[in-house]
C-alpha atoms as a PDB file:
ATOM      1  CA  MET A   1     -10.540 -25.712   1.007  1.00  0.00           C
ATOM      2  CA  ALA A   2     -13.929 -24.152   0.459  1.00  0.00           C
ATOM      3  CA  GLY A   3     -14.623 -20.475   0.901  1.00  0.00           C
ATOM      4  CA  VAL A   4     -13.255 -17.275  -0.592  1.00  0.00           C
ATOM      5  CA  ARG A   5      -9.522 -16.895  -1.260  1.00  0.00           C
ATOM      6  CA  ILE A   6      -8.118 -13.370  -0.886  1.00  0.00           C
ATOM      7  CA  VAL A   7      -5.405 -12.283  -3.308  1.00  0.00           C
ATOM      8  CA  THR A   8      -3.535  -8.989  -3.508  1.00  0.00           C
ATOM      9  CA  ASP A   9      -0.286  -7.657  -4.994  1.00  0.00           C
ATOM     10  CA  SER A  10       2.996  -6.740  -3.350  1.00  0.00           C
ATOM     11  CA  ALA A  11       2.265  -3.012  -3.245  1.00  0.00           C
ATOM     12  CA  CYS A  12       0.223  -3.854  -0.128  1.00  0.00           C
ATOM     13  CA  ASP A  13       3.322  -4.004   2.139  1.00  0.00           C
ATOM     14  CA  LEU A  14       1.710  -6.647   4.330  1.00  0.00           C
ATOM     15  CA  ALA A  15       4.390  -8.524   6.249  1.00  0.00           C
ATOM     16  CA  ASP A  16       4.723 -12.110   5.014  1.00  0.00           C
ATOM     17  CA  ALA A  17       3.788 -13.485   8.434  1.00  0.00           C
ATOM     18  CA  MET A  18       0.641 -11.364   8.541  1.00  0.00           C
ATOM     19  CA  ALA A  19      -0.391 -12.444   5.039  1.00  0.00           C
ATOM     20  CA  THR A  20       0.212 -16.112   5.869  1.00  0.00           C
ATOM     21  CA  GLU A  21      -1.727 -15.852   9.128  1.00  0.00           C
ATOM     22  CA  HIS A  22      -4.781 -14.558   7.258  1.00  0.00           C
ATOM     23  CA  GLY A  23      -4.424 -16.812   4.199  1.00  0.00           C
ATOM     24  CA  ILE A  24      -3.752 -13.894   1.830  1.00  0.00           C
ATOM     25  CA  VAL A  25      -1.829 -14.700  -1.354  1.00  0.00           C
ATOM     26  CA  ILE A  26       0.451 -11.913  -2.634  1.00  0.00           C
ATOM     27  CA  VAL A  27       1.313 -11.612  -6.338  1.00  0.00           C
ATOM     28  CA  PRO A  28       4.630  -9.756  -6.750  1.00  0.00           C
ATOM     29  CA  LEU A  29       5.475  -6.833  -8.985  1.00  0.00           C
ATOM     30  CA  SER A  30       9.008  -6.543 -10.376  1.00  0.00           C
ATOM     31  CA  ILE A  31      11.696  -3.952  -9.673  1.00  0.00           C
ATOM     32  CA  ARG A  32      14.359  -2.895 -12.165  1.00  0.00           C
ATOM     33  CA  PHE A  33      17.719  -1.288 -11.378  1.00  0.00           C
ATOM     34  CA  GLY A  34      19.193  -0.538 -14.787  1.00  0.00           C
ATOM     35  CA  ASP A  35      19.496  -3.888 -16.568  1.00  0.00           C
ATOM     36  CA  GLU A  36      18.818  -5.965 -13.443  1.00  0.00           C
ATOM     37  CA  VAL A  37      15.252  -7.107 -12.817  1.00  0.00           C
ATOM     38  CA  PHE A  38      14.096  -8.533  -9.491  1.00  0.00           C
ATOM     39  CA  VAL A  39      10.799 -10.111  -8.498  1.00  0.00           C
ATOM     40  CA  ASP A  40       9.562  -8.314  -5.394  1.00  0.00           C
ATOM     41  CA  ARG A  41       9.812 -10.386  -2.180  1.00  0.00           C
ATOM     42  CA  ARG A  42      11.242 -13.393  -4.018  1.00  0.00           C
ATOM     43  CA  ASP A  43      14.483 -11.834  -5.314  1.00  0.00           C
ATOM     44  CA  LEU A  44      14.456  -8.559  -3.430  1.00  0.00           C
ATOM     45  CA  GLY A  45      13.349  -7.763   0.106  1.00  0.00           C
ATOM     46  CA  ALA A  46      12.892  -4.317   1.612  1.00  0.00           C
ATOM     47  CA  ALA A  47      16.302  -4.191   3.316  1.00  0.00           C
ATOM     48  CA  GLU A  48      18.178  -5.168   0.156  1.00  0.00           C
ATOM     49  CA  PHE A  49      16.088  -2.727  -1.895  1.00  0.00           C
ATOM     50  CA  TRP A  50      16.983   0.218   0.329  1.00  0.00           C
ATOM     51  CA  ARG A  51      20.646  -0.815   0.338  1.00  0.00           C
ATOM     52  CA  ARG A  52      20.642  -0.806  -3.448  1.00  0.00           C
ATOM     53  CA  CYS A  53      18.914   2.588  -3.498  1.00  0.00           C
ATOM     54  CA  ALA A  54      21.704   4.010  -1.341  1.00  0.00           C
ATOM     55  CA  GLU A  55      24.466   2.529  -3.508  1.00  0.00           C
ATOM     56  CA  SER A  56      23.016   2.742  -7.024  1.00  0.00           C
ATOM     57  CA  THR A  57      23.396   5.724  -9.335  1.00  0.00           C
ATOM     58  CA  THR A  58      20.281   4.527 -11.189  1.00  0.00           C
ATOM     59  CA  LEU A  59      16.819   5.125  -9.795  1.00  0.00           C
ATOM     60  CA  PRO A  60      14.691   1.959  -9.704  1.00  0.00           C
ATOM     61  CA  GLU A  61      11.549   1.361 -11.740  1.00  0.00           C
ATOM     62  CA  THR A  62       8.596  -0.967 -11.246  1.00  0.00           C
ATOM     63  CA  ALA A  63       6.798  -3.339 -13.590  1.00  0.00           C
ATOM     64  CA  ALA A  64       3.356  -4.900 -13.162  1.00  0.00           C
ATOM     65  CA  PRO A  65       2.951  -8.668 -12.791  1.00  0.00           C
ATOM     66  CA  PRO A  66       2.020 -10.431 -16.039  1.00  0.00           C
ATOM     67  CA  PRO A  67      -1.541 -11.780 -16.238  1.00  0.00           C
ATOM     68  CA  GLY A  68      -0.104 -15.276 -15.950  1.00  0.00           C
ATOM     69  CA  ALA A  69       1.132 -14.588 -12.420  1.00  0.00           C
ATOM     70  CA  PHE A  70      -2.406 -13.795 -11.268  1.00  0.00           C
ATOM     71  CA  GLU A  71      -3.889 -16.609 -13.330  1.00  0.00           C
ATOM     72  CA  GLU A  72      -1.605 -19.158 -11.645  1.00  0.00           C
ATOM     73  CA  VAL A  73      -2.822 -18.043  -8.212  1.00  0.00           C
ATOM     74  CA  PHE A  74      -6.474 -17.990  -9.279  1.00  0.00           C
ATOM     75  CA  ARG A  75      -6.220 -21.485 -10.788  1.00  0.00           C
ATOM     76  CA  ALA A  76      -4.566 -22.802  -7.628  1.00  0.00           C
ATOM     77  CA  ALA A  77      -7.497 -21.476  -5.556  1.00  0.00           C
ATOM     78  CA  ARG A  78      -9.960 -23.171  -7.901  1.00  0.00           C
ATOM     79  CA  ASP A  79      -8.034 -26.447  -7.865  1.00  0.00           C
ATOM     80  CA  GLU A  80      -7.867 -26.367  -4.058  1.00  0.00           C
ATOM     81  CA  GLY A  81     -11.651 -26.201  -3.884  1.00  0.00           C
ATOM     82  CA  CYS A  82     -12.225 -22.533  -3.126  1.00  0.00           C
ATOM     83  CA  ASP A  83     -15.651 -21.207  -4.064  1.00  0.00           C
ATOM     84  CA  ALA A  84     -14.347 -17.866  -5.316  1.00  0.00           C
ATOM     85  CA  VAL A  85     -11.436 -15.420  -5.315  1.00  0.00           C
ATOM     86  CA  VAL A  86     -11.568 -11.768  -4.337  1.00  0.00           C
ATOM     87  CA  CYS A  87      -8.482  -9.951  -5.598  1.00  0.00           C
ATOM     88  CA  VAL A  88      -7.816  -6.464  -4.194  1.00  0.00           C
ATOM     89  CA  THR A  89      -5.214  -4.495  -6.128  1.00  0.00           C
ATOM     90  CA  ILE A  90      -3.150  -1.352  -5.860  1.00  0.00           C
ATOM     91  CA  SER A  91      -4.972   1.721  -7.169  1.00  0.00           C
ATOM     92  CA  ALA A  92      -5.335   1.437 -10.937  1.00  0.00           C
ATOM     93  CA  GLU A  93      -4.381   5.127 -11.085  1.00  0.00           C
ATOM     94  CA  LEU A  94      -0.958   4.201  -9.698  1.00  0.00           C
ATOM     95  CA  SER A  95      -0.457   0.907 -11.563  1.00  0.00           C
ATOM     96  CA  SER A  96      -3.001   0.354 -14.294  1.00  0.00           C
ATOM     97  CA  GLY A  97      -0.927  -2.588 -15.505  1.00  0.00           C
ATOM     98  CA  THR A  98      -1.310  -4.481 -12.234  1.00  0.00           C
ATOM     99  CA  HIS A  99      -5.067  -4.003 -12.090  1.00  0.00           C
ATOM    100  CA  GLN A 100      -5.463  -4.877 -15.777  1.00  0.00           C
ATOM    101  CA  SER A 101      -3.341  -8.021 -15.383  1.00  0.00           C
ATOM    102  CA  ALA A 102      -5.615  -9.215 -12.578  1.00  0.00           C
ATOM    103  CA  GLN A 103      -8.708  -8.477 -14.663  1.00  0.00           C
ATOM    104  CA  SER A 104      -7.256 -10.309 -17.672  1.00  0.00           C
ATOM    105  CA  ALA A 105      -6.438 -13.334 -15.520  1.00  0.00           C
ATOM    106  CA  ALA A 106      -9.954 -13.339 -14.071  1.00  0.00           C
ATOM    107  CA  ARG A 107     -11.448 -13.392 -17.566  1.00  0.00           C
ATOM    108  CA  ALA A 108      -9.225 -16.342 -18.476  1.00  0.00           C
ATOM    109  CA  LEU A 109     -10.846 -18.506 -15.778  1.00  0.00           C
ATOM    110  CA  GLU A 110     -14.248 -18.862 -17.355  1.00  0.00           C
ATOM    111  CA  GLY A 111     -16.692 -20.566 -15.026  1.00  0.00           C
ATOM    112  CA  PHE A 112     -14.783 -19.739 -11.828  1.00  0.00           C
ATOM    113  CA  ASP A 113     -15.872 -16.778  -9.708  1.00  0.00           C
ATOM    114  CA  VAL A 114     -13.060 -14.204  -9.529  1.00  0.00           C
ATOM    115  CA  ARG A 115     -13.806 -10.651  -8.393  1.00  0.00           C
ATOM    116  CA  VAL A 116     -11.157  -7.948  -8.945  1.00  0.00           C
ATOM    117  CA  LEU A 117     -11.459  -4.810  -6.819  1.00  0.00           C
ATOM    118  CA  ASP A 118      -9.438  -1.599  -7.207  1.00  0.00           C
ATOM    119  CA  THR A 119      -8.677  -0.487  -3.629  1.00  0.00           C
ATOM    120  CA  ARG A 120      -7.874   3.072  -4.797  1.00  0.00           C
ATOM    121  CA  SER A 121      -5.058   2.803  -2.283  1.00  0.00           C
ATOM    122  CA  VAL A 122      -1.533   1.521  -1.760  1.00  0.00           C
ATOM    123  CA  THR A 123       0.858   0.220   0.908  1.00  0.00           C
ATOM    124  CA  MET A 124      -0.951  -0.740   4.133  1.00  0.00           C
ATOM    125  CA  GLY A 125      -4.059   1.156   3.025  1.00  0.00           C
ATOM    126  CA  GLN A 126      -4.356  -1.598   0.434  1.00  0.00           C
ATOM    127  CA  GLY A 127      -3.202  -4.057   3.080  1.00  0.00           C
ATOM    128  CA  PHE A 128      -6.046  -3.092   5.422  1.00  0.00           C
ATOM    129  CA  VAL A 129      -8.554  -3.846   2.660  1.00  0.00           C
ATOM    130  CA  ALA A 130      -6.989  -7.269   2.116  1.00  0.00           C
ATOM    131  CA  LEU A 131      -7.013  -7.985   5.861  1.00  0.00           C
ATOM    132  CA  ALA A 132     -10.670  -7.011   6.237  1.00  0.00           C
ATOM    133  CA  ALA A 133     -11.603  -9.137   3.239  1.00  0.00           C
ATOM    134  CA  ALA A 134      -9.685 -12.099   4.676  1.00  0.00           C
ATOM    135  CA  GLU A 135     -11.348 -11.706   8.074  1.00  0.00           C
ATOM    136  CA  ALA A 136     -14.774 -11.653   6.426  1.00  0.00           C
ATOM    137  CA  ALA A 137     -13.930 -14.727   4.345  1.00  0.00           C
ATOM    138  CA  ALA A 138     -12.664 -16.571   7.438  1.00  0.00           C
ATOM    139  CA  ALA A 139     -15.971 -15.801   9.155  1.00  0.00           C
ATOM    140  CA  GLY A 140     -17.813 -17.543   6.320  1.00  0.00           C
ATOM    141  CA  ALA A 141     -18.826 -14.577   4.170  1.00  0.00           C
ATOM    142  CA  GLY A 142     -19.565 -15.238   0.515  1.00  0.00           C
ATOM    143  CA  PRO A 143     -17.932 -13.285  -2.332  1.00  0.00           C
ATOM    144  CA  ASP A 144     -20.641 -10.592  -2.439  1.00  0.00           C
ATOM    145  CA  GLN A 145     -20.224  -9.931   1.285  1.00  0.00           C
ATOM    146  CA  VAL A 146     -16.439 -10.001   1.080  1.00  0.00           C
ATOM    147  CA  VAL A 147     -16.461  -7.436  -1.729  1.00  0.00           C
ATOM    148  CA  ALA A 148     -18.875  -5.243   0.241  1.00  0.00           C
ATOM    149  CA  VAL A 149     -16.586  -5.359   3.282  1.00  0.00           C
ATOM    150  CA  ALA A 150     -13.545  -4.566   1.138  1.00  0.00           C
ATOM    151  CA  LYS A 151     -15.246  -1.570  -0.472  1.00  0.00           C
ATOM    152  CA  ASP A 152     -16.379  -0.281   2.906  1.00  0.00           C
ATOM    153  CA  VAL A 153     -12.891  -0.478   4.416  1.00  0.00           C
ATOM    154  CA  ALA A 154     -11.357   1.117   1.312  1.00  0.00           C
ATOM    155  CA  SER A 155     -13.716   4.080   1.745  1.00  0.00           C
ATOM    156  CA  ARG A 156     -12.627   4.479   5.379  1.00  0.00           C
ATOM    157  CA  THR A 157      -8.867   4.247   4.852  1.00  0.00           C
ATOM    158  CA  ARG A 158      -6.527   7.239   4.652  1.00  0.00           C
ATOM    159  CA  VAL A 159      -2.895   7.157   3.485  1.00  0.00           C
ATOM    160  CA  TYR A 160      -0.449   9.983   4.196  1.00  0.00           C
ATOM    161  CA  GLY A 161       3.317  10.267   4.134  1.00  0.00           C
ATOM    162  CA  THR A 162       6.346  12.490   4.334  1.00  0.00           C
ATOM    163  CA  ILE A 163       9.315  11.975   2.040  1.00  0.00           C
ATOM    164  CA  GLY A 164      13.002  12.761   2.207  1.00  0.00           C
ATOM    165  CA  THR A 165      13.543  13.819  -1.410  1.00  0.00           C
ATOM    166  CA  LEU A 166      11.425  14.967  -4.337  1.00  0.00           C
ATOM    167  CA  GLU A 167      13.674  13.221  -6.869  1.00  0.00           C
ATOM    168  CA  HIS A 168      11.777   9.931  -6.991  1.00  0.00           C
ATOM    169  CA  LEU A 169       8.353  11.578  -7.306  1.00  0.00           C
ATOM    170  CA  GLN A 170       9.682  13.763 -10.122  1.00  0.00           C
ATOM    171  CA  ARG A 171      11.224  10.782 -11.934  1.00  0.00           C
ATOM    172  CA  GLY A 172       7.956   8.877 -11.618  1.00  0.00           C
ATOM    173  CA  GLY A 173       6.004  11.745 -13.129  1.00  0.00           C
ATOM    174  CA  ARG A 174       4.218  12.685  -9.902  1.00  0.00           C
ATOM    175  CA  ILE A 175       5.596  16.255  -9.943  1.00  0.00           C
ATOM    176  CA  GLY A 176       7.387  18.387 -12.529  1.00  0.00           C
ATOM    177  CA  ALA A 177      11.173  18.864 -12.675  1.00  0.00           C
ATOM    178  CA  ALA A 178      10.984  22.608 -11.982  1.00  0.00           C
ATOM    179  CA  ARG A 179       8.814  22.035  -8.948  1.00  0.00           C
ATOM    180  CA  ALA A 180      11.149  19.348  -7.650  1.00  0.00           C
ATOM    181  CA  MET A 181      14.144  21.657  -8.057  1.00  0.00           C
ATOM    182  CA  LEU A 182      12.366  24.525  -6.288  1.00  0.00           C
ATOM    183  CA  GLY A 183      11.271  22.261  -3.453  1.00  0.00           C
ATOM    184  CA  SER A 184      14.820  20.981  -2.991  1.00  0.00           C
ATOM    185  CA  MET A 185      16.259  24.513  -2.988  1.00  0.00           C
ATOM    186  CA  LEU A 186      13.786  25.622  -0.343  1.00  0.00           C
ATOM    187  CA  SER A 187      14.208  22.397   1.669  1.00  0.00           C
ATOM    188  CA  ILE A 188      10.452  21.914   1.533  1.00  0.00           C
ATOM    189  CA  LYS A 189       9.236  18.649   3.019  1.00  0.00           C
ATOM    190  CA  PRO A 190       5.889  17.902   1.392  1.00  0.00           C
ATOM    191  CA  VAL A 191       3.273  15.785   3.089  1.00  0.00           C
ATOM    192  CA  ILE A 192       1.581  13.596   0.495  1.00  0.00           C
ATOM    193  CA  GLN A 193      -1.704  11.719   0.522  1.00  0.00           C
ATOM    194  CA  VAL A 194      -3.465   9.159  -1.613  1.00  0.00           C
ATOM    195  CA  THR A 195      -6.740  10.707  -2.685  1.00  0.00           C
ATOM    196  CA  ASP A 196      -9.108   9.353  -5.324  1.00  0.00           C
ATOM    197  CA  GLY A 197      -6.505   6.704  -6.021  1.00  0.00           C
ATOM    198  CA  ILE A 198      -3.660   9.087  -6.880  1.00  0.00           C
ATOM    199  CA  VAL A 199      -0.743  10.610  -4.978  1.00  0.00           C
ATOM    200  CA  ALA A 200      -1.289  14.298  -4.265  1.00  0.00           C
ATOM    201  CA  GLU A 201       0.394  16.944  -2.154  1.00  0.00           C
ATOM    202  CA  GLU A 202      -1.461  17.408   1.127  1.00  0.00           C
ATOM    203  CA  SER A 203       0.669  20.231   2.570  1.00  0.00           C
ATOM    204  CA  LYS A 204       4.137  21.793   2.569  1.00  0.00           C
ATOM    205  CA  GLN A 205       6.289  21.774   5.692  1.00  0.00           C
ATOM    206  CA  ARG A 206       9.574  23.630   6.048  1.00  0.00           C
ATOM    207  CA  THR A 207      11.438  21.010   8.087  1.00  0.00           C
ATOM    208  CA  ARG A 208      11.470  17.259   8.491  1.00  0.00           C
ATOM    209  CA  ALA A 209      10.622  17.563  12.176  1.00  0.00           C
ATOM    210  CA  ARG A 210       7.605  19.706  11.387  1.00  0.00           C
ATOM    211  CA  SER A 211       6.386  17.273   8.724  1.00  0.00           C
ATOM    212  CA  LEU A 212       6.433  14.450  11.290  1.00  0.00           C
ATOM    213  CA  GLU A 213       4.614  16.565  13.855  1.00  0.00           C
ATOM    214  CA  TYR A 214       2.063  17.503  11.220  1.00  0.00           C
ATOM    215  CA  LEU A 215       1.413  13.832  10.394  1.00  0.00           C
ATOM    216  CA  ALA A 216       0.982  12.972  14.069  1.00  0.00           C
ATOM    217  CA  ASP A 217      -1.414  15.894  14.542  1.00  0.00           C
ATOM    218  CA  LYS A 218      -3.345  14.762  11.472  1.00  0.00           C
ATOM    219  CA  LEU A 219      -3.828  11.289  12.939  1.00  0.00           C
ATOM    220  CA  ARG A 220      -4.730  12.683  16.347  1.00  0.00           C
ATOM    221  CA  GLY A 221      -7.482  14.693  14.678  1.00  0.00           C
ATOM    222  CA  LEU A 222      -8.863  11.556  13.004  1.00  0.00           C
ATOM    223  CA  ALA A 223      -8.784   9.402  16.166  1.00  0.00           C
ATOM    224  CA  PRO A 224     -10.144   7.139  17.454  1.00  0.00           C
ATOM    225  CA  LEU A 225      -8.860   4.885  14.681  1.00  0.00           C
ATOM    226  CA  GLU A 226      -9.831   1.303  13.973  1.00  0.00           C
ATOM    227  CA  ARG A 227      -6.396   0.401  12.616  1.00  0.00           C
ATOM    228  CA  LEU A 228      -3.144   2.302  12.217  1.00  0.00           C
ATOM    229  CA  ALA A 229       0.038   1.295  10.400  1.00  0.00           C
ATOM    230  CA  VAL A 230       3.335   3.120  10.067  1.00  0.00           C
ATOM    231  CA  CYS A 231       5.334   2.274   6.946  1.00  0.00           C
ATOM    232  CA  ASP A 232       9.082   2.832   7.255  1.00  0.00           C
ATOM    233  CA  GLY A 233      11.142   3.536   4.165  1.00  0.00           C
ATOM    234  CA  ALA A 234      14.734   3.565   5.416  1.00  0.00           C
ATOM    235  CA  SER A 235      14.103   6.503   7.734  1.00  0.00           C
ATOM    236  CA  ALA A 236      16.479   7.455  10.536  1.00  0.00           C
ATOM    237  CA  ASP A 237      13.791   9.053  12.693  1.00  0.00           C
ATOM    238  CA  LEU A 238      11.171   6.307  12.939  1.00  0.00           C
ATOM    239  CA  ASP A 239      11.443   6.057  16.725  1.00  0.00           C
ATOM    240  CA  ARG A 240      10.971   9.805  17.065  1.00  0.00           C
ATOM    241  CA  PHE A 241       7.821   9.611  14.971  1.00  0.00           C
ATOM    242  CA  LEU A 242       6.427   6.622  16.862  1.00  0.00           C
ATOM    243  CA  ALA A 243       6.884   8.596  20.084  1.00  0.00           C
ATOM    244  CA  LEU A 244       4.744  11.373  18.598  1.00  0.00           C
ATOM    245  CA  LEU A 245       1.909   8.866  18.130  1.00  0.00           C
ATOM    246  CA  GLU A 246       1.686   7.954  21.811  1.00  0.00           C
ATOM    247  CA  GLY A 247      -1.792   8.495  23.187  1.00  0.00           C
ATOM    248  CA  ILE A 248      -3.599   8.164  19.850  1.00  0.00           C
ATOM    249  CA  GLU A 249      -6.462   5.727  20.376  1.00  0.00           C
ATOM    250  CA  VAL A 250      -6.399   2.685  18.085  1.00  0.00           C
ATOM    251  CA  THR A 251      -9.279   0.335  18.856  1.00  0.00           C
ATOM    252  CA  SER A 252      -7.661  -2.725  17.234  1.00  0.00           C
ATOM    253  CA  GLY A 253      -4.708  -2.494  19.630  1.00  0.00           C
ATOM    254  CA  GLU A 254      -1.134  -1.473  18.983  1.00  0.00           C
ATOM    255  CA  VAL A 255       0.198   0.506  16.034  1.00  0.00           C
ATOM    256  CA  VAL A 256       1.535  -1.844  13.343  1.00  0.00           C
ATOM    257  CA  THR A 257       4.952  -0.966  11.906  1.00  0.00           C
ATOM    258  CA  VAL A 258       5.954  -2.422   8.527  1.00  0.00           C
ATOM    259  CA  ASP A 259       8.755  -1.930   6.033  1.00  0.00           C
ATOM    260  CA  LEU A 260       7.826   0.210   3.076  1.00  0.00           C
ATOM    261  CA  GLY A 261       8.517  -2.207   0.259  1.00  0.00           C
ATOM    262  CA  PRO A 262      10.215  -1.782  -3.119  1.00  0.00           C
ATOM    263  CA  VAL A 263       7.017  -1.046  -5.076  1.00  0.00           C
ATOM    264  CA  VAL A 264       6.068   2.080  -3.137  1.00  0.00           C
ATOM    265  CA  GLY A 265       9.652   2.885  -2.175  1.00  0.00           C
ATOM    266  CA  THR A 266      10.614   3.149  -5.847  1.00  0.00           C
ATOM    267  CA  HIS A 267       8.320   6.150  -6.175  1.00  0.00           C
ATOM    268  CA  THR A 268       8.852   7.825  -2.792  1.00  0.00           C
ATOM    269  CA  GLY A 269      12.544   7.239  -2.163  1.00  0.00           C
ATOM    270  CA  PRO A 270      14.445   6.802   1.101  1.00  0.00           C
ATOM    271  CA  SER A 271      13.553   8.540   4.374  1.00  0.00           C
ATOM    272  CA  THR A 272       9.858   8.043   3.689  1.00  0.00           C
ATOM    273  CA  ILE A 273       7.464   7.570   6.584  1.00  0.00           C
ATOM    274  CA  GLY A 274       3.916   6.645   5.618  1.00  0.00           C
ATOM    275  CA  VAL A 275       0.847   6.301   7.793  1.00  0.00           C
ATOM    276  CA  CYS A 276      -2.266   4.323   6.945  1.00  0.00           C
ATOM    277  CA  ALA A 277      -5.320   4.962   9.104  1.00  0.00           C
ATOM    278  CA  GLN A 278      -8.585   3.048   9.029  1.00  0.00           C
ATOM    279  CA  LEU A 279     -11.418   5.168  10.373  1.00  0.00           C
ATOM    280  CA  PRO A 280     -14.163   3.525  12.436  1.00  0.00           C
ATOM    281  CA  THR A 281     -17.512   2.695  10.852  1.00  0.00           C
ATOM    282  CA  ALA A 282     -19.227   5.517  12.721  1.00  0.00           C
ATOM    283  CA  ALA A 283     -16.685   8.090  11.594  1.00  0.00           C
ATOM    284  CA  GLY A 284     -19.415  10.272  10.108  1.00  0.00           C
ATOM    285  CA  PRO A 285     -18.367  13.354   8.117  1.00  0.00           C
ATOM    286  CA  ARG A 286     -14.653  12.727   8.787  1.00  0.00           C
ATOM    287  CA  ALA A 287     -14.742   9.743   6.438  1.00  0.00           C
ATOM    288  CA  ALA A 288     -14.888  12.176   3.519  1.00  0.00           C
ATOM    289  CA  GLY A 289     -11.813  14.087   4.674  1.00  0.00           C
END
């Protein structure tokens, strides 16, 4: 088929049905538990991942897709008659290997138009960029227009979350061991955000309940929102959090709830609740917040 094919990686947390509906192709990362390696989505779904996290004494690790995985998808788009590919990846600050693999694969397809864009985001923040790109492509936009739309949505997307334990962030090098130990001793529940493509601490809350209230208040202050997704990482209080979001205006319709997948879950751990908010075009100064 002619037109622009949209490709992303499995850090996007787009539900398979949603990706299929919009013609988005997802290239999987891999997850390792000790000596066992699983291809995300193919060998390991979210439910099985969280079950393994609960039962395993070994913390999982992630590995980027090889360039060949992207190249196979890009070649298929070319062979199917697509005019171009726009590939939107997880923030290169969070997985330089994934972004570099996509770039390497693009270079391998000399003569075929492949654009690789760093979303500077992750989970459904990345997913929103892929969705917007796919909607633009479906409307007949060329690759330049699709990339422009993707960049615009990336600039208007905010990702926040609250986590149940600091252990996974410490293991992944996001925070130091001493800080993780202190936070655990004080029962601090940090609220994190993705800013400039990296995970940073947004605030400290003393209880889980307060961290959820803080997230809801944060979103209420940003509303009205164009899109809103809640990403559930094996949390026991998802329904309580969703109730806190009642009344927040989302112009696209209902709040989308997705499973936080193995790629992001590896680094945040269980009991994570993430929120991804797409601000409206006319958001003004708030878009820089």
